[in-house]
Amino acid sequence: MYAYILSTAKKLEPFGEHPRDCLIGNRSLEHRQDDALRSLGISPLRVADAGSISDPNAHLVLEDRLYFTPELIAEFVAKSRVPQNQHTLRAEAGARHRAYGGLHTGRAAREWRVCIRAAL
């Protein structure tokens, strides 16, 4: 399985650094992402945008500014294998909880941050 990691132009202000270059435990976020995915047998591929993905097989789509653990990815993949085609992991803006499944109704789109998508 591949994990397509979308390149973003986000910078951390006021530093002007991209989140993927930030150190977490003396390793960059980019390396942490790669290590977490590879530990689960998932191959990370960095791409410019979602339009460049044409993979009919099971895959994940993530952003390069997202920190995650192998446990979160494993749980997400397991929950995504229920009889549906595509799942999205969202976190409510400012919240520390996780929500799985389809779009939540009654909320403005800007209140939800899409973190991970799966086609499994």
C-alpha atoms as a PDB file:
ATOM      1  CA  MET A   1       0.000   0.000   0.000  1.00  0.00           C
ATOM      2  CA  TYR A   2       1.127   3.538  -0.715  1.00  0.00           C
ATOM      3  CA  ALA A   3       0.643   6.685   1.320  1.00  0.00           C
ATOM      4  CA  TYR A   4       0.627   9.743  -0.913  1.00  0.00           C
ATOM      5  CA  ILE A   5       1.909  12.728   1.032  1.00  0.00           C
ATOM      6  CA  LEU A   6       0.664  16.000  -0.438  1.00  0.00           C
ATOM      7  CA  SER A   7       3.076  18.890  -0.514  1.00  0.00           C
ATOM      8  CA  THR A   8       1.729  22.045   1.115  1.00  0.00           C
ATOM      9  CA  ALA A   9       3.083  25.575   1.079  1.00  0.00           C
ATOM     10  CA  LYS A  10       2.222  26.208   4.728  1.00  0.00           C
ATOM     11  CA  LYS A  11       4.831  27.985   6.839  1.00  0.00           C
ATOM     12  CA  LEU A  12       5.074  28.337  10.596  1.00  0.00           C
ATOM     13  CA  GLU A  13       4.884  31.999  11.442  1.00  0.00           C
ATOM     14  CA  PRO A  14       6.836  33.985  12.497  1.00  0.00           C
ATOM     15  CA  PHE A  15       9.673  31.569  11.668  1.00  0.00           C
ATOM     16  CA  GLY A  16       8.928  31.010   7.980  1.00  0.00           C
ATOM     17  CA  GLU A  17       9.720  27.298   8.325  1.00  0.00           C
ATOM     18  CA  HIS A  18       7.710  24.517   6.763  1.00  0.00           C
ATOM     19  CA  PRO A  19       6.269  22.085   9.344  1.00  0.00           C
ATOM     20  CA  ARG A  20       7.867  19.095   7.577  1.00  0.00           C
ATOM     21  CA  ASP A  21      11.293  20.540   8.469  1.00  0.00           C
ATOM     22  CA  CYS A  22      10.517  21.010  12.179  1.00  0.00           C
ATOM     23  CA  LEU A  23      12.335  18.736  14.579  1.00  0.00           C
ATOM     24  CA  ILE A  24      10.420  16.326  16.792  1.00  0.00           C
ATOM     25  CA  GLY A  25      12.764  14.506  19.128  1.00  0.00           C
ATOM     26  CA  ASN A  26      15.743  15.577  16.995  1.00  0.00           C
ATOM     27  CA  ARG A  27      14.208  14.172  13.766  1.00  0.00           C
ATOM     28  CA  SER A  28      12.307  16.143  11.169  1.00  0.00           C
ATOM     29  CA  LEU A  29       8.551  15.687  10.787  1.00  0.00           C
ATOM     30  CA  GLU A  30       9.210  14.384   7.276  1.00  0.00           C
ATOM     31  CA  HIS A  31      11.415  11.583   8.639  1.00  0.00           C
ATOM     32  CA  ARG A  32       8.936  10.828  11.424  1.00  0.00           C
ATOM     33  CA  GLN A  33       6.145  10.439   8.842  1.00  0.00           C
ATOM     34  CA  ASP A  34       8.254   8.120   6.700  1.00  0.00           C
ATOM     35  CA  ASP A  35       9.310   6.010   9.713  1.00  0.00           C
ATOM     36  CA  ALA A  36       5.730   5.662  11.012  1.00  0.00           C
ATOM     37  CA  LEU A  37       4.396   4.573   7.620  1.00  0.00           C
ATOM     38  CA  ARG A  38       7.250   2.199   6.822  1.00  0.00           C
ATOM     39  CA  SER A  39       6.896   0.531  10.235  1.00  0.00           C
ATOM     40  CA  LEU A  40       3.423  -0.552   9.050  1.00  0.00           C
ATOM     41  CA  GLY A  41       4.603  -1.699   5.622  1.00  0.00           C
ATOM     42  CA  ILE A  42       3.189   1.397   3.899  1.00  0.00           C
ATOM     43  CA  SER A  43       5.385   3.089   1.292  1.00  0.00           C
ATOM     44  CA  PRO A  44       5.373   6.907   1.490  1.00  0.00           C
ATOM     45  CA  LEU A  45       5.351   8.789  -1.822  1.00  0.00           C
ATOM     46  CA  ARG A  46       5.544  12.582  -1.871  1.00  0.00           C
ATOM     47  CA  VAL A  47       3.415  14.254  -4.536  1.00  0.00           C
ATOM     48  CA  ALA A  48       2.681  17.834  -5.541  1.00  0.00           C
ATOM     49  CA  ASP A  49      -1.115  17.588  -5.286  1.00  0.00           C
ATOM     50  CA  ALA A  50      -4.050  15.177  -5.113  1.00  0.00           C
ATOM     51  CA  GLY A  51      -4.610  15.521  -8.869  1.00  0.00           C
ATOM     52  CA  SER A  52      -1.390  13.639  -9.516  1.00  0.00           C
ATOM     53  CA  ILE A  53      -2.691  10.507  -7.747  1.00  0.00           C
ATOM     54  CA  SER A  54      -4.207   7.846  -9.986  1.00  0.00           C
ATOM     55  CA  ASP A  55      -4.000   4.697  -7.914  1.00  0.00           C
ATOM     56  CA  PRO A  56      -6.845   2.171  -8.216  1.00  0.00           C
ATOM     57  CA  ASN A  57      -5.434   0.152  -5.305  1.00  0.00           C
ATOM     58  CA  ALA A  58      -5.816   0.752  -1.577  1.00  0.00           C
ATOM     59  CA  HIS A  59      -3.928   3.881  -0.533  1.00  0.00           C
ATOM     60  CA  LEU A  60      -3.779   6.756   1.947  1.00  0.00           C
ATOM     61  CA  VAL A  61      -3.602  10.495   1.256  1.00  0.00           C
ATOM     62  CA  LEU A  62      -1.975  12.728   3.885  1.00  0.00           C
ATOM     63  CA  GLU A  63      -0.519  16.216   4.091  1.00  0.00           C
ATOM     64  CA  ASP A  64       3.163  16.865   4.698  1.00  0.00           C
ATOM     65  CA  ARG A  65       2.374  19.048   7.728  1.00  0.00           C
ATOM     66  CA  LEU A  66       0.573  16.326   9.705  1.00  0.00           C
ATOM     67  CA  TYR A  67       2.147  14.555  12.680  1.00  0.00           C
ATOM     68  CA  PHE A  68       0.835  11.045  13.301  1.00  0.00           C
ATOM     69  CA  THR A  69       1.911   7.869  15.047  1.00  0.00           C
ATOM     70  CA  PRO A  70       1.981   4.331  13.659  1.00  0.00           C
ATOM     71  CA  GLU A  71      -0.827   3.475  16.092  1.00  0.00           C
ATOM     72  CA  LEU A  72      -3.104   6.195  14.687  1.00  0.00           C
ATOM     73  CA  ILE A  73      -2.501   5.081  11.104  1.00  0.00           C
ATOM     74  CA  ALA A  74      -3.042   1.408  12.016  1.00  0.00           C
ATOM     75  CA  GLU A  75      -6.319   2.236  13.790  1.00  0.00           C
ATOM     76  CA  PHE A  76      -7.467   4.416  10.897  1.00  0.00           C
ATOM     77  CA  VAL A  77      -6.707   1.733   8.300  1.00  0.00           C
ATOM     78  CA  ALA A  78      -8.502  -0.910  10.379  1.00  0.00           C
ATOM     79  CA  LYS A  79     -11.620   1.271  10.734  1.00  0.00           C
ATOM     80  CA  SER A  80     -11.483   2.163   7.044  1.00  0.00           C
ATOM     81  CA  ARG A  81     -11.771  -1.464   5.997  1.00  0.00           C
ATOM     82  CA  VAL A  82     -15.480  -1.610   6.907  1.00  0.00           C
ATOM     83  CA  PRO A  83     -17.738  -1.982   3.856  1.00  0.00           C
ATOM     84  CA  GLN A  84     -17.342   1.505   2.461  1.00  0.00           C
ATOM     85  CA  ASN A  85     -15.171   2.916  -0.241  1.00  0.00           C
ATOM     86  CA  GLN A  86     -13.524   5.961   1.261  1.00  0.00           C
ATOM     87  CA  HIS A  87     -13.006   7.253   4.778  1.00  0.00           C
ATOM     88  CA  THR A  88     -11.696  10.486   6.171  1.00  0.00           C
ATOM     89  CA  LEU A  89     -10.148  11.197   9.538  1.00  0.00           C
ATOM     90  CA  ARG A  90     -11.091  14.657  10.780  1.00  0.00           C
ATOM     91  CA  ALA A  91     -10.295  16.635  13.846  1.00  0.00           C
ATOM     92  CA  GLU A  92     -12.598  19.412  14.929  1.00  0.00           C
ATOM     93  CA  ALA A  93     -10.703  22.694  14.837  1.00  0.00           C
ATOM     94  CA  GLY A  94      -8.989  23.066  18.193  1.00  0.00           C
ATOM     95  CA  ALA A  95     -10.172  19.694  19.477  1.00  0.00           C
ATOM     96  CA  ARG A  96      -8.036  16.765  20.589  1.00  0.00           C
ATOM     97  CA  HIS A  97     -10.377  13.970  19.581  1.00  0.00           C
ATOM     98  CA  ARG A  98     -10.753  11.919  16.435  1.00  0.00           C
ATOM     99  CA  ALA A  99     -13.817  11.322  14.292  1.00  0.00           C
ATOM    100  CA  TYR A 100     -14.148   8.678  11.584  1.00  0.00           C
ATOM    101  CA  GLY A 101     -16.568   8.357   8.717  1.00  0.00           C
ATOM    102  CA  GLY A 102     -18.428  10.565   6.309  1.00  0.00           C
ATOM    103  CA  LEU A 103     -18.968  14.291   6.387  1.00  0.00           C
ATOM    104  CA  HIS A 104     -20.458  15.671   9.551  1.00  0.00           C
ATOM    105  CA  THR A 105     -23.602  17.675   9.013  1.00  0.00           C
ATOM    106  CA  GLY A 106     -24.508  20.925  10.696  1.00  0.00           C
ATOM    107  CA  ARG A 107     -20.949  22.223  10.741  1.00  0.00           C
ATOM    108  CA  ALA A 108     -19.341  24.776   8.497  1.00  0.00           C
ATOM    109  CA  ALA A 109     -16.616  23.216   6.341  1.00  0.00           C
ATOM    110  CA  ARG A 110     -13.981  25.501   7.839  1.00  0.00           C
ATOM    111  CA  GLU A 111     -14.620  24.010  11.289  1.00  0.00           C
ATOM    112  CA  TRP A 112     -13.287  20.612  10.227  1.00  0.00           C
ATOM    113  CA  ARG A 113      -9.739  19.888   9.203  1.00  0.00           C
ATOM    114  CA  VAL A 114      -9.348  16.897   6.907  1.00  0.00           C
ATOM    115  CA  CYS A 115      -6.258  15.026   7.969  1.00  0.00           C
ATOM    116  CA  ILE A 116      -6.200  11.625   6.262  1.00  0.00           C
ATOM    117  CA  ARG A 117      -8.201   9.996   3.473  1.00  0.00           C
ATOM    118  CA  ALA A 118      -8.256   6.331   2.588  1.00  0.00           C
ATOM    119  CA  ALA A 119      -9.424   4.387  -0.430  1.00  0.00           C
ATOM    120  CA  LEU A 120      -9.393   0.783   0.811  1.00  0.00           C
END
